């Protein structure tokens, strides 16, 4: 796997590199200190699998430039790495074409879950980044049906112990395949559990389930315990 880290802070690039090397034995890491350098490397180096891109760096002035930048690299998935937790920023990054959004405050271990998810074609947005109480500007983001309902009261007690384990991993951005591997079950069984979880919680998709569960599981250090 070849990963390009684009960030203007050398210490941050170093930290991400160490995290990746500790998680993947076969990873090749490229580094760029500016958007221009990252763009040049992306076009001159064959086989880059993923770009971890800082949102604010020389040559990239935030969301305003992000879509154009991502469009210029159509064959390489881009994951934004940013310190901003604002809903408007997260949503705009995804709408601009980013395949994921990682908070700079996240533990390096999150890369173990995000990278396979994105490389398999799925989208990663951290549940804690879209939970209403974790963001200072709720009006920046279009309210979801989940948050519009004042009487929404998900019945977590109705979940089986196994469904609770699946939900905790789901809130961390695990794909069905990763949940299956972590819990020692078939991927098809995970899909059945996810469908049951959404029905019991009265939500329409995985993201809504994660948002609802985040308040409950935020304090848990072990997502399976």
N, C-alpha and C. Protein backbone atom coordinates (compact mmCIF):
# COMPACT_ATOMS: atom_id res chain seq x y z
N UNK A 1 0.84 -1.19 0.00
CA UNK A 1 0.00 0.00 0.00
C UNK A 1 0.88 1.25 0.00
N UNK A 2 0.52 2.20 -0.84
CA UNK A 2 1.27 3.45 -0.94
C UNK A 2 0.37 4.60 -0.49
N UNK A 3 0.82 5.33 0.52
CA UNK A 3 0.04 6.43 1.08
C UNK A 3 0.84 7.72 0.98
N UNK A 4 0.19 8.76 0.49
CA UNK A 4 0.80 10.08 0.41
C UNK A 4 0.23 10.96 1.52
N UNK A 5 1.10 11.46 2.39
CA UNK A 5 0.69 12.35 3.48
C UNK A 5 1.02 13.77 3.07
N UNK A 6 0.00 14.61 2.98
CA UNK A 6 0.20 16.00 2.58
C UNK A 6 -0.20 16.92 3.74
N UNK A 7 0.80 17.50 4.37
CA UNK A 7 0.57 18.39 5.51
C UNK A 7 1.79 19.29 5.64
N UNK A 8 1.58 20.55 5.98
CA UNK A 8 2.71 21.47 6.05
C UNK A 8 3.45 21.42 7.38
N UNK A 9 3.01 20.56 8.30
CA UNK A 9 3.70 20.41 9.57
C UNK A 9 4.50 19.11 9.57
N UNK A 10 5.81 19.23 9.59
CA UNK A 10 6.69 18.06 9.50
C UNK A 10 6.46 17.09 10.65
N UNK A 11 6.22 17.62 11.84
CA UNK A 11 6.02 16.77 13.01
C UNK A 11 4.75 15.93 12.87
N UNK A 12 3.71 16.53 12.30
CA UNK A 12 2.47 15.79 12.10
C UNK A 12 2.67 14.68 11.06
N UNK A 13 3.37 15.00 9.98
CA UNK A 13 3.65 13.98 8.96
C UNK A 13 4.45 12.83 9.57
N UNK A 14 5.38 13.18 10.43
CA UNK A 14 6.20 12.16 11.08
C UNK A 14 5.33 11.26 11.97
N UNK A 15 4.43 11.87 12.71
CA UNK A 15 3.56 11.09 13.59
C UNK A 15 2.64 10.15 12.82
N UNK A 16 2.06 10.65 11.73
CA UNK A 16 1.20 9.80 10.90
C UNK A 16 2.01 8.67 10.28
N UNK A 17 3.22 8.99 9.85
CA UNK A 17 4.09 7.96 9.26
C UNK A 17 4.37 6.84 10.26
N UNK A 18 4.69 7.22 11.49
CA UNK A 18 4.95 6.21 12.52
C UNK A 18 3.72 5.35 12.77
N UNK A 19 2.55 6.00 12.81
CA UNK A 19 1.31 5.26 13.04
C UNK A 19 1.06 4.26 11.92
N UNK A 20 1.25 4.70 10.69
CA UNK A 20 1.02 3.81 9.54
C UNK A 20 2.01 2.65 9.54
N UNK A 21 3.26 2.94 9.83
CA UNK A 21 4.29 1.90 9.82
C UNK A 21 4.07 0.88 10.93
N UNK A 22 3.46 1.33 12.03
CA UNK A 22 3.18 0.39 13.12
C UNK A 22 1.97 -0.49 12.82
N UNK A 23 1.11 -0.01 11.92
CA UNK A 23 -0.11 -0.74 11.59
C UNK A 23 0.04 -1.64 10.37
N UNK A 24 0.89 -1.22 9.42
CA UNK A 24 1.02 -1.95 8.16
C UNK A 24 2.49 -2.22 7.85
N UNK A 25 2.83 -3.48 7.67
CA UNK A 25 4.21 -3.84 7.39
C UNK A 25 4.63 -3.48 5.97
N UNK A 26 3.67 -3.49 5.05
CA UNK A 26 4.01 -3.31 3.64
C UNK A 26 3.67 -1.91 3.13
N UNK A 27 3.58 -0.93 4.01
CA UNK A 27 3.19 0.41 3.58
C UNK A 27 4.40 1.21 3.09
N UNK A 28 4.19 1.93 2.00
CA UNK A 28 5.18 2.87 1.49
C UNK A 28 4.61 4.27 1.67
N UNK A 29 5.38 5.15 2.29
CA UNK A 29 4.87 6.47 2.64
C UNK A 29 5.60 7.55 1.87
N UNK A 30 4.82 8.42 1.24
CA UNK A 30 5.35 9.61 0.57
C UNK A 30 4.88 10.82 1.36
N UNK A 31 5.70 11.87 1.37
CA UNK A 31 5.34 13.06 2.13
C UNK A 31 5.42 14.31 1.26
N UNK A 32 4.51 15.24 1.53
CA UNK A 32 4.51 16.51 0.83
C UNK A 32 4.15 17.61 1.82
N UNK A 33 4.83 18.75 1.69
CA UNK A 33 4.62 19.86 2.62
C UNK A 33 3.69 20.93 2.05
N UNK A 34 3.23 20.72 0.81
CA UNK A 34 2.32 21.69 0.19
C UNK A 34 1.39 20.95 -0.76
N UNK A 35 0.30 21.61 -1.12
CA UNK A 35 -0.65 21.00 -2.04
C UNK A 35 -0.01 20.79 -3.41
N UNK A 36 0.82 21.74 -3.83
CA UNK A 36 1.49 21.62 -5.12
C UNK A 36 2.43 20.42 -5.16
N UNK A 37 3.19 20.24 -4.08
CA UNK A 37 4.11 19.10 -4.02
C UNK A 37 3.34 17.79 -4.02
N UNK A 38 2.23 17.75 -3.28
CA UNK A 38 1.41 16.54 -3.24
C UNK A 38 0.83 16.24 -4.62
N UNK A 39 0.40 17.28 -5.31
CA UNK A 39 -0.18 17.11 -6.64
C UNK A 39 0.87 16.57 -7.61
N UNK A 40 2.08 17.11 -7.52
CA UNK A 40 3.17 16.65 -8.39
C UNK A 40 3.51 15.19 -8.12
N UNK A 41 3.60 14.83 -6.85
CA UNK A 41 3.91 13.45 -6.49
C UNK A 41 2.80 12.50 -6.94
N UNK A 42 1.56 12.94 -6.78
CA UNK A 42 0.43 12.09 -7.15
C UNK A 42 0.42 11.78 -8.64
N UNK A 43 0.87 12.74 -9.45
CA UNK A 43 0.86 12.54 -10.90
C UNK A 43 2.14 11.88 -11.41
N UNK A 44 3.21 11.97 -10.64
CA UNK A 44 4.48 11.41 -11.11
C UNK A 44 4.82 10.06 -10.50
N UNK A 45 4.08 9.67 -9.47
CA UNK A 45 4.36 8.41 -8.79
C UNK A 45 3.23 7.42 -9.04
N UNK A 46 3.50 6.35 -9.76
CA UNK A 46 2.44 5.37 -10.02
C UNK A 46 2.10 4.55 -8.77
N UNK A 47 0.85 4.15 -8.68
CA UNK A 47 0.47 3.21 -7.63
C UNK A 47 0.10 3.80 -6.29
N UNK A 48 -0.10 5.12 -6.20
CA UNK A 48 -0.53 5.70 -4.92
C UNK A 48 -1.96 5.26 -4.64
N UNK A 49 -2.18 4.69 -3.47
CA UNK A 49 -3.50 4.15 -3.12
C UNK A 49 -4.39 5.15 -2.41
N UNK A 50 -3.77 6.10 -1.70
CA UNK A 50 -4.56 6.99 -0.85
C UNK A 50 -3.77 8.24 -0.53
N UNK A 51 -4.49 9.37 -0.42
CA UNK A 51 -3.87 10.62 0.01
C UNK A 51 -4.53 11.07 1.31
N UNK A 52 -3.72 11.32 2.32
CA UNK A 52 -4.18 11.93 3.56
C UNK A 52 -3.84 13.42 3.46
N UNK A 53 -4.86 14.25 3.37
CA UNK A 53 -4.67 15.65 2.98
C UNK A 53 -5.11 16.61 4.07
N UNK A 54 -4.19 17.47 4.48
CA UNK A 54 -4.52 18.54 5.42
C UNK A 54 -5.40 19.55 4.69
N UNK A 55 -6.38 20.08 5.39
CA UNK A 55 -7.33 20.99 4.75
C UNK A 55 -6.78 22.40 4.58
N UNK A 56 -5.85 22.78 5.45
CA UNK A 56 -5.27 24.12 5.39
C UNK A 56 -3.76 24.00 5.29
N UNK A 57 -3.23 24.27 4.11
CA UNK A 57 -1.80 24.18 3.88
C UNK A 57 -1.45 25.03 2.67
N UNK A 58 -0.18 25.33 2.44
CA UNK A 58 0.19 26.12 1.26
C UNK A 58 -0.36 25.50 -0.02
N UNK A 59 -1.09 26.31 -0.78
CA UNK A 59 -1.67 25.84 -2.03
C UNK A 59 -3.07 25.29 -1.89
N UNK A 60 -3.56 25.21 -0.66
CA UNK A 60 -4.92 24.71 -0.42
C UNK A 60 -5.54 25.52 0.70
N UNK A 61 -6.47 26.39 0.32
CA UNK A 61 -7.08 27.29 1.30
C UNK A 61 -8.44 26.78 1.75
N UNK A 62 -8.43 25.60 2.34
CA UNK A 62 -9.66 25.07 2.90
C UNK A 62 -10.62 24.53 1.86
N UNK A 63 -11.89 24.53 2.23
CA UNK A 63 -12.95 23.93 1.42
C UNK A 63 -13.04 24.58 0.04
N UNK A 64 -12.77 25.87 -0.04
CA UNK A 64 -12.92 26.59 -1.30
C UNK A 64 -12.11 25.95 -2.43
N UNK A 65 -10.95 25.40 -2.11
CA UNK A 65 -10.09 24.82 -3.14
C UNK A 65 -10.17 23.29 -3.20
N UNK A 66 -10.87 22.69 -2.25
CA UNK A 66 -10.81 21.24 -2.11
C UNK A 66 -11.40 20.50 -3.30
N UNK A 67 -12.57 20.91 -3.77
CA UNK A 67 -13.22 20.18 -4.87
C UNK A 67 -12.35 20.18 -6.13
N UNK A 68 -11.81 21.34 -6.47
CA UNK A 68 -10.95 21.43 -7.65
C UNK A 68 -9.74 20.53 -7.50
N UNK A 69 -9.19 20.50 -6.30
CA UNK A 69 -8.00 19.69 -6.04
C UNK A 69 -8.32 18.21 -6.18
N UNK A 70 -9.43 17.78 -5.57
CA UNK A 70 -9.81 16.37 -5.63
C UNK A 70 -10.17 15.97 -7.07
N UNK A 71 -10.86 16.86 -7.78
CA UNK A 71 -11.23 16.56 -9.16
C UNK A 71 -10.01 16.37 -10.06
N UNK A 72 -8.89 16.99 -9.67
CA UNK A 72 -7.67 16.86 -10.47
C UNK A 72 -6.96 15.53 -10.23
N UNK A 73 -7.45 14.78 -9.24
CA UNK A 73 -6.87 13.47 -8.91
C UNK A 73 -7.97 12.43 -8.87
N UNK A 74 -8.63 12.19 -9.99
CA UNK A 74 -9.84 11.35 -9.99
C UNK A 74 -9.62 9.89 -9.63
N UNK A 75 -8.39 9.42 -9.76
CA UNK A 75 -8.14 7.98 -9.56
C UNK A 75 -7.60 7.65 -8.17
N UNK A 76 -7.43 8.67 -7.32
CA UNK A 76 -6.86 8.43 -6.00
C UNK A 76 -7.82 8.94 -4.93
N UNK A 77 -8.29 8.07 -4.04
CA UNK A 77 -9.17 8.54 -2.97
C UNK A 77 -8.43 9.47 -2.02
N UNK A 78 -9.11 10.53 -1.62
CA UNK A 78 -8.54 11.53 -0.72
C UNK A 78 -9.30 11.52 0.60
N UNK A 79 -8.56 11.44 1.69
CA UNK A 79 -9.14 11.54 3.02
C UNK A 79 -8.63 12.83 3.66
N UNK A 80 -9.54 13.69 4.06
CA UNK A 80 -9.15 14.94 4.70
C UNK A 80 -8.79 14.67 6.16
N UNK A 81 -7.68 15.26 6.59
CA UNK A 81 -7.27 15.19 7.98
C UNK A 81 -7.26 16.62 8.51
N UNK A 82 -8.12 16.91 9.47
CA UNK A 82 -8.30 18.30 9.89
C UNK A 82 -8.60 18.39 11.38
N UNK A 83 -8.31 19.55 11.93
CA UNK A 83 -8.64 19.80 13.33
C UNK A 83 -10.04 20.35 13.51
N UNK A 84 -10.70 20.69 12.41
CA UNK A 84 -12.04 21.28 12.50
C UNK A 84 -13.10 20.22 12.73
N UNK A 85 -13.95 20.45 13.73
CA UNK A 85 -15.06 19.55 14.03
C UNK A 85 -16.39 20.14 13.56
N UNK A 86 -16.37 21.26 12.86
CA UNK A 86 -17.61 21.91 12.45
C UNK A 86 -18.35 21.09 11.40
N UNK A 87 -19.64 20.99 11.59
CA UNK A 87 -20.45 20.21 10.65
C UNK A 87 -20.34 20.74 9.23
N UNK A 88 -20.37 22.04 9.09
CA UNK A 88 -20.32 22.62 7.75
C UNK A 88 -19.04 22.21 7.03
N UNK A 89 -17.94 22.18 7.74
CA UNK A 89 -16.65 21.80 7.15
C UNK A 89 -16.65 20.33 6.77
N UNK A 90 -17.13 19.49 7.67
CA UNK A 90 -17.15 18.04 7.42
C UNK A 90 -18.04 17.73 6.22
N UNK A 91 -19.23 18.31 6.23
CA UNK A 91 -20.16 18.05 5.14
C UNK A 91 -19.60 18.56 3.81
N UNK A 92 -19.03 19.76 3.82
CA UNK A 92 -18.49 20.34 2.59
C UNK A 92 -17.34 19.49 2.05
N UNK A 93 -16.51 18.95 2.94
CA UNK A 93 -15.40 18.11 2.49
C UNK A 93 -15.90 16.86 1.79
N UNK A 94 -16.93 16.24 2.36
CA UNK A 94 -17.49 15.04 1.75
C UNK A 94 -18.16 15.38 0.42
N UNK A 95 -18.89 16.49 0.39
CA UNK A 95 -19.56 16.90 -0.84
C UNK A 95 -18.55 17.28 -1.92
N UNK A 96 -17.36 17.71 -1.50
CA UNK A 96 -16.31 18.07 -2.46
C UNK A 96 -15.64 16.85 -3.06
N UNK A 97 -15.94 15.68 -2.49
CA UNK A 97 -15.38 14.46 -3.05
C UNK A 97 -14.45 13.69 -2.14
N UNK A 98 -14.19 14.20 -0.94
CA UNK A 98 -13.34 13.46 0.00
C UNK A 98 -14.03 12.15 0.37
N UNK A 99 -13.23 11.09 0.48
CA UNK A 99 -13.79 9.78 0.81
C UNK A 99 -13.82 9.53 2.31
N UNK A 100 -13.26 10.47 3.06
CA UNK A 100 -13.28 10.33 4.50
C UNK A 100 -12.83 11.61 5.16
N UNK A 101 -13.06 11.69 6.46
CA UNK A 101 -12.69 12.88 7.23
C UNK A 101 -12.20 12.40 8.60
N UNK A 102 -10.93 12.64 8.87
CA UNK A 102 -10.34 12.21 10.14
C UNK A 102 -9.98 13.44 10.96
N UNK A 103 -10.38 13.44 12.22
CA UNK A 103 -10.02 14.54 13.11
C UNK A 103 -8.57 14.38 13.56
N UNK A 104 -7.84 15.48 13.60
CA UNK A 104 -6.45 15.41 14.03
C UNK A 104 -6.32 15.02 15.50
N UNK A 105 -7.40 15.15 16.23
CA UNK A 105 -7.38 14.76 17.63
C UNK A 105 -7.59 13.26 17.83
N UNK A 106 -7.87 12.53 16.74
CA UNK A 106 -8.14 11.10 16.84
C UNK A 106 -6.87 10.32 17.14
N UNK A 107 -7.04 9.15 17.74
CA UNK A 107 -5.93 8.25 18.00
C UNK A 107 -5.44 7.66 16.68
N UNK A 108 -4.13 7.46 16.57
CA UNK A 108 -3.56 6.91 15.34
C UNK A 108 -4.13 5.56 14.97
N UNK A 109 -4.66 4.84 15.95
CA UNK A 109 -5.24 3.52 15.71
C UNK A 109 -6.42 3.59 14.75
N UNK A 110 -7.05 4.77 14.66
CA UNK A 110 -8.22 4.91 13.79
C UNK A 110 -7.86 4.62 12.33
N UNK A 111 -6.59 4.82 11.98
CA UNK A 111 -6.16 4.57 10.60
C UNK A 111 -6.35 3.10 10.22
N UNK A 112 -6.25 2.22 11.19
CA UNK A 112 -6.43 0.79 10.91
C UNK A 112 -7.83 0.51 10.37
N UNK A 113 -8.79 1.32 10.78
CA UNK A 113 -10.17 1.10 10.38
C UNK A 113 -10.57 1.96 9.18
N UNK A 114 -10.03 3.17 9.13
CA UNK A 114 -10.43 4.09 8.07
C UNK A 114 -9.87 3.68 6.72
N UNK A 115 -8.60 3.33 6.67
CA UNK A 115 -7.97 3.05 5.38
C UNK A 115 -8.62 1.89 4.63
N UNK A 116 -8.81 0.72 5.27
CA UNK A 116 -9.48 -0.36 4.53
C UNK A 116 -10.89 0.01 4.09
N UNK A 117 -11.58 0.78 4.93
CA UNK A 117 -12.94 1.20 4.60
C UNK A 117 -12.95 2.04 3.33
N UNK A 118 -12.08 3.04 3.29
CA UNK A 118 -12.02 3.94 2.13
C UNK A 118 -11.52 3.20 0.89
N UNK A 119 -10.52 2.36 1.06
CA UNK A 119 -9.96 1.64 -0.08
C UNK A 119 -10.94 0.62 -0.66
N UNK A 120 -11.93 0.23 0.14
CA UNK A 120 -12.95 -0.69 -0.36
C UNK A 120 -14.10 0.05 -1.04
N UNK A 121 -13.98 1.39 -1.10
CA UNK A 121 -14.98 2.19 -1.79
C UNK A 121 -16.03 2.80 -0.89
N UNK A 122 -15.90 2.59 0.43
CA UNK A 122 -16.88 3.15 1.35
C UNK A 122 -16.43 4.52 1.85
N UNK A 123 -17.32 5.16 2.57
CA UNK A 123 -17.08 6.51 3.07
C UNK A 123 -16.92 6.47 4.58
N UNK A 124 -15.96 7.26 5.10
CA UNK A 124 -15.78 7.32 6.55
C UNK A 124 -16.00 8.74 7.06
N UNK A 125 -16.94 8.88 7.98
CA UNK A 125 -17.14 10.13 8.72
C UNK A 125 -17.28 9.74 10.18
N UNK A 126 -16.44 10.27 11.07
CA UNK A 126 -16.49 9.86 12.47
C UNK A 126 -17.80 10.26 13.13
N UNK A 127 -18.40 9.32 13.85
CA UNK A 127 -19.67 9.60 14.51
C UNK A 127 -19.53 10.74 15.50
N UNK A 128 -18.40 10.79 16.23
CA UNK A 128 -18.24 11.84 17.23
C UNK A 128 -18.13 13.22 16.59
N UNK A 129 -17.81 13.25 15.31
CA UNK A 129 -17.68 14.53 14.62
C UNK A 129 -19.02 15.09 14.19
N UNK A 130 -20.04 14.25 14.15
CA UNK A 130 -21.35 14.73 13.71
C UNK A 130 -22.39 14.68 14.82
N UNK A 131 -21.98 14.30 16.02
CA UNK A 131 -22.91 14.33 17.14
C UNK A 131 -23.19 15.77 17.53
N UNK A 132 -24.44 16.11 17.74
CA UNK A 132 -24.86 17.50 17.91
C UNK A 132 -24.13 18.20 19.03
N UNK A 133 -23.97 17.54 20.18
CA UNK A 133 -23.41 18.24 21.32
C UNK A 133 -21.91 18.42 21.22
N UNK A 134 -21.26 17.74 20.27
CA UNK A 134 -19.82 17.87 20.12
C UNK A 134 -19.44 19.02 19.20
N UNK A 135 -20.42 19.67 18.60
CA UNK A 135 -20.14 20.70 17.63
C UNK A 135 -20.77 22.01 18.07
N UNK A 136 -20.00 23.07 17.99
CA UNK A 136 -20.46 24.33 18.53
C UNK A 136 -21.46 25.05 17.67
N UNK A 137 -21.57 24.68 16.38
CA UNK A 137 -22.44 25.42 15.49
C UNK A 137 -23.42 24.47 14.82
N UNK A 138 -24.45 24.08 15.54
CA UNK A 138 -25.41 23.11 15.02
C UNK A 138 -26.13 23.64 13.79
N UNK A 139 -26.29 24.94 13.68
CA UNK A 139 -27.02 25.51 12.55
C UNK A 139 -26.21 25.48 11.26
N UNK A 140 -24.92 25.12 11.36
CA UNK A 140 -24.09 25.07 10.16
C UNK A 140 -24.43 23.88 9.29
N UNK A 141 -25.18 22.93 9.83
CA UNK A 141 -25.41 21.68 9.13
C UNK A 141 -26.90 21.43 9.02
N UNK A 142 -27.33 20.96 7.88
CA UNK A 142 -28.74 20.66 7.70
C UNK A 142 -29.16 19.58 8.70
N UNK A 143 -30.17 19.84 9.46
CA UNK A 143 -30.59 18.91 10.50
C UNK A 143 -31.09 17.62 9.89
N UNK A 144 -30.65 16.50 10.45
CA UNK A 144 -31.10 15.21 9.95
C UNK A 144 -32.43 14.86 10.58
N UNK A 145 -33.20 13.94 9.97
CA UNK A 145 -34.46 13.51 10.56
C UNK A 145 -34.28 13.02 11.98
N UNK A 146 -33.12 12.42 12.26
CA UNK A 146 -32.86 11.92 13.60
C UNK A 146 -32.87 13.04 14.62
N UNK A 147 -32.26 14.18 14.26
CA UNK A 147 -32.12 15.27 15.21
C UNK A 147 -33.33 16.19 15.23
N UNK A 148 -34.17 16.12 14.19
CA UNK A 148 -35.35 16.96 14.16
C UNK A 148 -36.41 16.49 15.14
N UNK A 149 -36.38 15.21 15.47
CA UNK A 149 -37.42 14.64 16.31
C UNK A 149 -37.08 14.85 17.78
N UNK A 150 -37.84 15.69 18.45
CA UNK A 150 -37.58 15.96 19.86
C UNK A 150 -37.90 14.76 20.75
N UNK A 151 -38.80 13.89 20.27
CA UNK A 151 -39.20 12.75 21.08
C UNK A 151 -38.46 11.48 20.67
N UNK A 152 -37.41 11.64 19.88
CA UNK A 152 -36.64 10.47 19.47
C UNK A 152 -35.92 9.89 20.68
N UNK A 153 -36.19 8.65 20.99
CA UNK A 153 -35.62 8.02 22.17
C UNK A 153 -35.28 6.57 21.84
N UNK A 154 -34.11 6.34 21.24
CA UNK A 154 -33.76 4.99 20.81
C UNK A 154 -33.71 4.02 21.97
N UNK A 155 -34.26 2.84 21.75
CA UNK A 155 -34.34 1.83 22.81
C UNK A 155 -33.12 0.91 22.73
N UNK A 156 -32.02 1.35 23.33
CA UNK A 156 -30.80 0.54 23.31
C UNK A 156 -30.96 -0.74 24.12
N UNK A 157 -31.87 -0.73 25.10
CA UNK A 157 -32.06 -1.92 25.93
C UNK A 157 -32.65 -3.07 25.14
N UNK A 158 -33.25 -2.76 23.99
CA UNK A 158 -33.84 -3.83 23.18
C UNK A 158 -32.80 -4.58 22.37
N UNK A 159 -31.58 -4.04 22.30
CA UNK A 159 -30.52 -4.69 21.54
C UNK A 159 -29.98 -5.90 22.29
N UNK A 160 -29.67 -6.93 21.55
CA UNK A 160 -29.02 -8.09 22.16
C UNK A 160 -27.56 -7.73 22.45
N UNK A 161 -26.89 -8.50 23.31
CA UNK A 161 -25.47 -8.22 23.58
C UNK A 161 -24.63 -8.20 22.30
N UNK A 162 -24.93 -9.10 21.37
CA UNK A 162 -24.17 -9.14 20.12
C UNK A 162 -24.44 -7.90 19.28
N UNK A 163 -25.70 -7.46 19.23
CA UNK A 163 -26.03 -6.26 18.48
C UNK A 163 -25.36 -5.04 19.08
N UNK A 164 -25.24 -5.02 20.40
CA UNK A 164 -24.56 -3.91 21.06
C UNK A 164 -23.09 -3.87 20.67
N UNK A 165 -22.45 -5.04 20.60
CA UNK A 165 -21.06 -5.10 20.17
C UNK A 165 -20.91 -4.59 18.74
N UNK A 166 -21.81 -5.02 17.87
CA UNK A 166 -21.77 -4.58 16.47
C UNK A 166 -21.95 -3.07 16.39
N UNK A 167 -22.88 -2.53 17.16
CA UNK A 167 -23.15 -1.10 17.11
C UNK A 167 -21.96 -0.28 17.59
N UNK A 168 -21.28 -0.76 18.63
CA UNK A 168 -20.12 -0.04 19.14
C UNK A 168 -19.03 0.06 18.07
N UNK A 169 -18.82 -1.03 17.34
CA UNK A 169 -17.82 -1.01 16.28
C UNK A 169 -18.28 -0.16 15.11
N UNK A 170 -19.57 -0.17 14.85
CA UNK A 170 -20.13 0.65 13.78
C UNK A 170 -19.88 2.13 14.05
N UNK A 171 -19.99 2.55 15.32
CA UNK A 171 -19.76 3.96 15.65
C UNK A 171 -18.32 4.37 15.43
N UNK A 172 -17.40 3.41 15.40
CA UNK A 172 -15.99 3.71 15.16
C UNK A 172 -15.65 3.69 13.68
N UNK A 173 -16.65 3.45 12.84
CA UNK A 173 -16.42 3.48 11.40
C UNK A 173 -16.04 2.15 10.80
N UNK A 174 -16.19 1.07 11.55
CA UNK A 174 -15.85 -0.25 11.02
C UNK A 174 -16.79 -0.61 9.87
N UNK A 175 -16.26 -1.24 8.84
CA UNK A 175 -17.08 -1.79 7.78
C UNK A 175 -17.66 -3.12 8.26
N UNK A 176 -18.64 -3.64 7.52
CA UNK A 176 -19.21 -4.94 7.89
C UNK A 176 -18.14 -6.02 7.93
N UNK A 177 -17.22 -5.97 6.98
CA UNK A 177 -16.16 -6.97 6.92
C UNK A 177 -15.26 -6.88 8.15
N UNK A 178 -14.94 -5.65 8.57
CA UNK A 178 -14.08 -5.47 9.74
C UNK A 178 -14.80 -5.90 11.02
N UNK A 179 -16.09 -5.61 11.10
CA UNK A 179 -16.86 -6.05 12.26
C UNK A 179 -16.87 -7.58 12.32
N UNK A 180 -17.08 -8.20 11.17
CA UNK A 180 -17.10 -9.66 11.12
C UNK A 180 -15.77 -10.24 11.59
N UNK A 181 -14.68 -9.65 11.12
CA UNK A 181 -13.36 -10.15 11.50
C UNK A 181 -13.09 -9.92 12.99
N UNK A 182 -13.50 -8.77 13.50
CA UNK A 182 -13.24 -8.45 14.90
C UNK A 182 -14.05 -9.32 15.86
N UNK A 183 -15.27 -9.66 15.46
CA UNK A 183 -16.15 -10.41 16.35
C UNK A 183 -16.24 -11.89 15.99
N UNK A 184 -15.52 -12.31 14.96
CA UNK A 184 -15.49 -13.72 14.61
C UNK A 184 -16.80 -14.24 14.07
N UNK A 185 -17.42 -13.49 13.17
CA UNK A 185 -18.69 -13.93 12.58
C UNK A 185 -18.65 -13.71 11.07
N UNK A 186 -19.63 -14.25 10.38
CA UNK A 186 -19.71 -14.08 8.94
C UNK A 186 -20.20 -12.67 8.61
N UNK A 187 -19.74 -12.14 7.47
CA UNK A 187 -20.16 -10.80 7.06
C UNK A 187 -21.67 -10.74 6.86
N UNK A 188 -22.24 -11.82 6.34
CA UNK A 188 -23.69 -11.85 6.15
C UNK A 188 -24.44 -11.75 7.48
N UNK A 189 -23.87 -12.34 8.52
CA UNK A 189 -24.48 -12.25 9.84
C UNK A 189 -24.42 -10.82 10.36
N UNK A 190 -23.31 -10.14 10.09
CA UNK A 190 -23.19 -8.74 10.50
C UNK A 190 -24.27 -7.90 9.84
N UNK A 191 -24.51 -8.13 8.55
CA UNK A 191 -25.54 -7.38 7.83
C UNK A 191 -26.91 -7.58 8.46
N UNK A 192 -27.18 -8.80 8.89
CA UNK A 192 -28.45 -9.08 9.56
C UNK A 192 -28.54 -8.30 10.87
N UNK A 193 -27.44 -8.27 11.63
CA UNK A 193 -27.42 -7.54 12.89
C UNK A 193 -27.62 -6.04 12.65
N UNK A 194 -26.95 -5.49 11.64
CA UNK A 194 -27.06 -4.06 11.36
C UNK A 194 -28.50 -3.70 10.98
N UNK A 195 -29.12 -4.54 10.18
CA UNK A 195 -30.51 -4.30 9.79
C UNK A 195 -31.42 -4.33 11.01
N UNK A 196 -31.18 -5.28 11.90
CA UNK A 196 -31.98 -5.38 13.12
C UNK A 196 -31.76 -4.18 14.03
N UNK A 197 -30.51 -3.73 14.13
CA UNK A 197 -30.18 -2.56 14.96
C UNK A 197 -30.94 -1.33 14.47
N UNK A 198 -30.90 -1.09 13.16
CA UNK A 198 -31.57 0.09 12.61
C UNK A 198 -33.08 0.03 12.86
N UNK A 199 -33.64 -1.16 12.74
CA UNK A 199 -35.08 -1.31 12.97
C UNK A 199 -35.43 -1.04 14.42
N UNK A 200 -34.65 -1.59 15.34
CA UNK A 200 -34.93 -1.42 16.77
C UNK A 200 -34.73 0.02 17.23
N UNK A 201 -33.75 0.71 16.63
CA UNK A 201 -33.47 2.09 17.03
C UNK A 201 -34.35 3.10 16.29
N UNK A 202 -35.04 2.63 15.26
CA UNK A 202 -35.91 3.52 14.51
C UNK A 202 -35.16 4.51 13.64
N UNK A 203 -34.03 4.07 13.08
CA UNK A 203 -33.23 4.93 12.21
C UNK A 203 -33.21 4.35 10.81
N UNK A 204 -32.77 5.18 9.86
CA UNK A 204 -32.83 4.78 8.45
C UNK A 204 -31.52 4.29 7.88
N UNK A 205 -30.40 4.58 8.55
CA UNK A 205 -29.11 4.18 8.00
C UNK A 205 -28.06 4.05 9.09
N UNK A 206 -26.87 3.61 8.69
CA UNK A 206 -25.78 3.37 9.64
C UNK A 206 -25.33 4.66 10.33
N UNK A 207 -25.30 5.75 9.56
CA UNK A 207 -24.84 7.02 10.13
C UNK A 207 -25.76 7.48 11.25
N UNK A 208 -27.07 7.39 11.03
CA UNK A 208 -28.01 7.78 12.08
C UNK A 208 -27.87 6.88 13.30
N UNK A 209 -27.63 5.60 13.08
CA UNK A 209 -27.43 4.69 14.20
C UNK A 209 -26.19 5.08 14.99
N UNK A 210 -25.13 5.46 14.27
CA UNK A 210 -23.88 5.84 14.92
C UNK A 210 -24.05 7.13 15.72
N UNK A 211 -24.78 8.09 15.15
CA UNK A 211 -25.02 9.35 15.85
C UNK A 211 -25.80 9.10 17.14
N UNK A 212 -26.83 8.27 17.04
CA UNK A 212 -27.65 7.97 18.21
C UNK A 212 -26.84 7.25 19.28
N UNK A 213 -25.98 6.35 18.84
CA UNK A 213 -25.22 5.54 19.80
C UNK A 213 -24.04 6.29 20.39
N UNK A 214 -23.56 7.31 19.70
CA UNK A 214 -22.33 7.98 20.13
C UNK A 214 -22.44 8.53 21.54
N UNK A 215 -23.59 9.09 21.88
CA UNK A 215 -23.77 9.66 23.21
C UNK A 215 -23.64 8.59 24.29
N UNK A 216 -24.08 7.38 23.95
CA UNK A 216 -24.06 6.29 24.92
C UNK A 216 -22.68 5.69 25.08
N UNK A 217 -21.95 5.55 23.95
CA UNK A 217 -20.70 4.82 23.97
C UNK A 217 -19.46 5.70 24.00
N UNK A 218 -19.63 7.02 24.03
CA UNK A 218 -18.48 7.91 23.93
C UNK A 218 -17.43 7.63 24.99
N UNK A 219 -17.88 7.28 26.18
CA UNK A 219 -16.93 7.10 27.27
C UNK A 219 -16.27 5.75 27.31
N UNK A 220 -16.65 4.84 26.43
CA UNK A 220 -16.09 3.49 26.48
C UNK A 220 -14.73 3.45 25.83
N UNK A 221 -13.70 3.01 26.56
CA UNK A 221 -12.35 2.93 26.00
C UNK A 221 -12.18 1.69 25.15
N UNK A 222 -12.94 0.63 25.46
CA UNK A 222 -12.88 -0.60 24.69
C UNK A 222 -14.19 -0.76 23.95
N UNK A 223 -14.20 -0.66 22.61
CA UNK A 223 -15.45 -0.68 21.87
C UNK A 223 -16.18 -2.00 21.95
N UNK A 224 -15.52 -3.06 22.39
CA UNK A 224 -16.18 -4.35 22.43
C UNK A 224 -16.55 -4.73 23.86
N UNK A 225 -15.88 -4.11 24.84
CA UNK A 225 -16.09 -4.50 26.22
C UNK A 225 -17.47 -4.18 26.75
